[in-house]
C-alpha atoms as a PDB file:
ATOM      1  CA  MET A   1       0.000   0.000   0.000  1.00  0.00           C
ATOM      2  CA  LEU A   2       1.160   3.497  -0.842  1.00  0.00           C
ATOM      3  CA  ARG A   3      -0.084   6.540   1.052  1.00  0.00           C
ATOM      4  CA  LYS A   4       0.605  10.176   0.252  1.00  0.00           C
ATOM      5  CA  LYS A   5      -0.631  13.590   1.377  1.00  0.00           C
ATOM      6  CA  VAL A   6      -1.448  15.846  -1.559  1.00  0.00           C
ATOM      7  CA  LYS A   7      -2.488  19.479  -1.656  1.00  0.00           C
ATOM      8  CA  VAL A   8      -5.188  20.268  -4.232  1.00  0.00           C
ATOM      9  CA  LYS A   9      -3.754  22.864  -6.617  1.00  0.00           C
ATOM     10  CA  VAL A  10      -6.472  22.847  -9.280  1.00  0.00           C
ATOM     11  CA  GLU A  11      -8.020  26.318  -9.374  1.00  0.00           C
ATOM     12  CA  ASN A  12     -11.631  25.201  -8.829  1.00  0.00           C
ATOM     13  CA  GLY A  13     -10.837  22.251  -6.577  1.00  0.00           C
ATOM     14  CA  LEU A  14     -12.013  18.702  -7.137  1.00  0.00           C
ATOM     15  CA  HIS A  15     -14.961  19.639  -9.367  1.00  0.00           C
ATOM     16  CA  LEU A  16     -16.711  17.296 -11.809  1.00  0.00           C
ATOM     17  CA  ARG A  17     -14.211  17.548 -14.669  1.00  0.00           C
ATOM     18  CA  VAL A  18     -11.228  16.877 -12.409  1.00  0.00           C
ATOM     19  CA  ALA A  19     -13.059  14.102 -10.536  1.00  0.00           C
ATOM     20  CA  ASN A  20     -14.026  12.509 -13.857  1.00  0.00           C
ATOM     21  CA  ARG A  21     -10.395  12.481 -15.036  1.00  0.00           C
ATOM     22  CA  PHE A  22      -9.299  11.086 -11.652  1.00  0.00           C
ATOM     23  CA  VAL A  23     -11.856   8.249 -11.937  1.00  0.00           C
ATOM     24  CA  GLN A  24     -10.912   7.498 -15.561  1.00  0.00           C
ATOM     25  CA  ILE A  25      -7.335   6.951 -14.434  1.00  0.00           C
ATOM     26  CA  THR A  26      -8.145   4.919 -11.316  1.00  0.00           C
ATOM     27  CA  ASN A  27     -10.533   2.630 -13.202  1.00  0.00           C
ATOM     28  CA  GLN A  28      -7.682   1.560 -15.495  1.00  0.00           C
ATOM     29  CA  HIS A  29      -5.964  -0.084 -12.524  1.00  0.00           C
ATOM     30  CA  PRO A  30      -7.142  -3.171 -10.636  1.00  0.00           C
ATOM     31  CA  GLY A  31      -6.146  -1.927  -7.182  1.00  0.00           C
ATOM     32  CA  GLU A  32      -8.253  -0.075  -4.641  1.00  0.00           C
ATOM     33  CA  VAL A  33      -7.917   3.714  -4.356  1.00  0.00           C
ATOM     34  CA  THR A  34      -9.093   5.626  -1.293  1.00  0.00           C
ATOM     35  CA  VAL A  35      -9.166   9.416  -0.922  1.00  0.00           C
ATOM     36  CA  ILE A  36      -9.376  10.905   2.571  1.00  0.00           C
ATOM     37  CA  LYS A  37     -10.209  14.508   3.526  1.00  0.00           C
ATOM     38  CA  GLY A  38     -10.362  14.989   7.259  1.00  0.00           C
ATOM     39  CA  ASP A  39     -12.827  12.419   8.567  1.00  0.00           C
ATOM     40  CA  ALA A  40     -14.420  11.818   5.156  1.00  0.00           C
ATOM     41  CA  VAL A  41     -13.352   8.778   3.147  1.00  0.00           C
ATOM     42  CA  ALA A  42     -14.109   8.403  -0.574  1.00  0.00           C
ATOM     43  CA  ASN A  43     -13.791   5.604  -3.086  1.00  0.00           C
ATOM     44  CA  GLY A  44     -11.290   6.881  -5.662  1.00  0.00           C
ATOM     45  CA  LYS A  45     -13.122   4.975  -8.394  1.00  0.00           C
ATOM     46  CA  SER A  46     -16.445   6.757  -7.816  1.00  0.00           C
ATOM     47  CA  ILE A  47     -17.001  10.248  -9.200  1.00  0.00           C
ATOM     48  CA  LEU A  48     -19.904  10.894  -6.822  1.00  0.00           C
ATOM     49  CA  SER A  49     -17.856   9.793  -3.826  1.00  0.00           C
ATOM     50  CA  LEU A  50     -15.047  12.193  -4.816  1.00  0.00           C
ATOM     51  CA  VAL A  51     -17.312  15.176  -5.481  1.00  0.00           C
ATOM     52  CA  ILE A  52     -19.004  14.728  -2.092  1.00  0.00           C
ATOM     53  CA  LEU A  53     -15.617  15.447  -0.445  1.00  0.00           C
ATOM     54  CA  CYS A  54     -15.995  19.083  -1.615  1.00  0.00           C
ATOM     55  CA  ALA A  55     -12.214  19.408  -1.853  1.00  0.00           C
ATOM     56  CA  GLN A  56     -11.231  23.000  -2.648  1.00  0.00           C
ATOM     57  CA  LYS A  57      -7.959  24.469  -3.849  1.00  0.00           C
ATOM     58  CA  GLY A  58      -5.510  24.350  -0.938  1.00  0.00           C
ATOM     59  CA  ASP A  59      -7.178  21.404   0.816  1.00  0.00           C
ATOM     60  CA  THR A  60      -4.987  18.453   1.759  1.00  0.00           C
ATOM     61  CA  LEU A  61      -6.083  14.988   0.704  1.00  0.00           C
ATOM     62  CA  ILE A  62      -4.575  11.636   1.576  1.00  0.00           C
ATOM     63  CA  LEU A  63      -4.383   9.165  -1.291  1.00  0.00           C
ATOM     64  CA  GLU A  64      -4.109   5.465  -0.475  1.00  0.00           C
ATOM     65  CA  ILE A  65      -3.472   2.894  -3.184  1.00  0.00           C
ATOM     66  CA  HIS A  66      -3.796  -0.799  -2.447  1.00  0.00           C
ATOM     67  CA  GLY A  67      -2.481  -3.115  -5.135  1.00  0.00           C
ATOM     68  CA  LYS A  68      -0.207  -6.027  -5.810  1.00  0.00           C
ATOM     69  CA  ASN A  69       2.492  -4.276  -7.826  1.00  0.00           C
ATOM     70  CA  GLU A  70       4.403  -1.475  -6.110  1.00  0.00           C
ATOM     71  CA  GLN A  71       5.724  -0.028  -9.392  1.00  0.00           C
ATOM     72  CA  GLU A  72       2.187   0.225 -10.799  1.00  0.00           C
ATOM     73  CA  GLU A  73       0.970   1.774  -7.530  1.00  0.00           C
ATOM     74  CA  LYS A  74       3.742   4.384  -7.697  1.00  0.00           C
ATOM     75  CA  ALA A  75       2.961   5.226 -11.335  1.00  0.00           C
ATOM     76  CA  LEU A  76      -0.749   5.544 -10.515  1.00  0.00           C
ATOM     77  CA  LEU A  77      -0.006   7.751  -7.505  1.00  0.00           C
ATOM     78  CA  ASP A  78       2.178  10.052  -9.621  1.00  0.00           C
ATOM     79  CA  GLU A  79      -0.567  10.327 -12.241  1.00  0.00           C
ATOM     80  CA  LEU A  80      -3.241  11.134  -9.656  1.00  0.00           C
ATOM     81  CA  VAL A  81      -1.050  13.787  -8.018  1.00  0.00           C
ATOM     82  CA  ALA A  82      -0.584  15.374 -11.470  1.00  0.00           C
ATOM     83  CA  VAL A  83      -4.379  15.529 -11.887  1.00  0.00           C
ATOM     84  CA  LEU A  84      -4.815  17.214  -8.494  1.00  0.00           C
ATOM     85  CA  HIS A  85      -2.056  19.664  -9.340  1.00  0.00           C
ATOM     86  CA  GLY A  86      -3.721  20.559 -12.654  1.00  0.00           C
ATOM     87  CA  LYS A  87      -0.949  19.103 -14.807  1.00  0.00           C
ATOM     88  CA  ILE A  88      -3.223  16.522 -16.469  1.00  0.00           C
ATOM     89  CA  SER A  89      -6.649  17.526 -17.715  1.00  0.00           C
END
């Protein structure tokens, strides 16, 4: 399992377009992805679950990736961080 704290840098936060891109990426991988904001926990493969977090620019999220291949987990984590930083749209 990989776990990383990430600050949301996308101007409008984790809105529908960003959440959709996040889910498109996570659904390409067999592992489980969890996104945590404070006490709220979201399924990283569910757009509704992500949007309900109401993550705004500047908020800190914790990403957890559970899989069988550490290299794939690391690549997925890097890709998801890029989405939250606005580098992948």
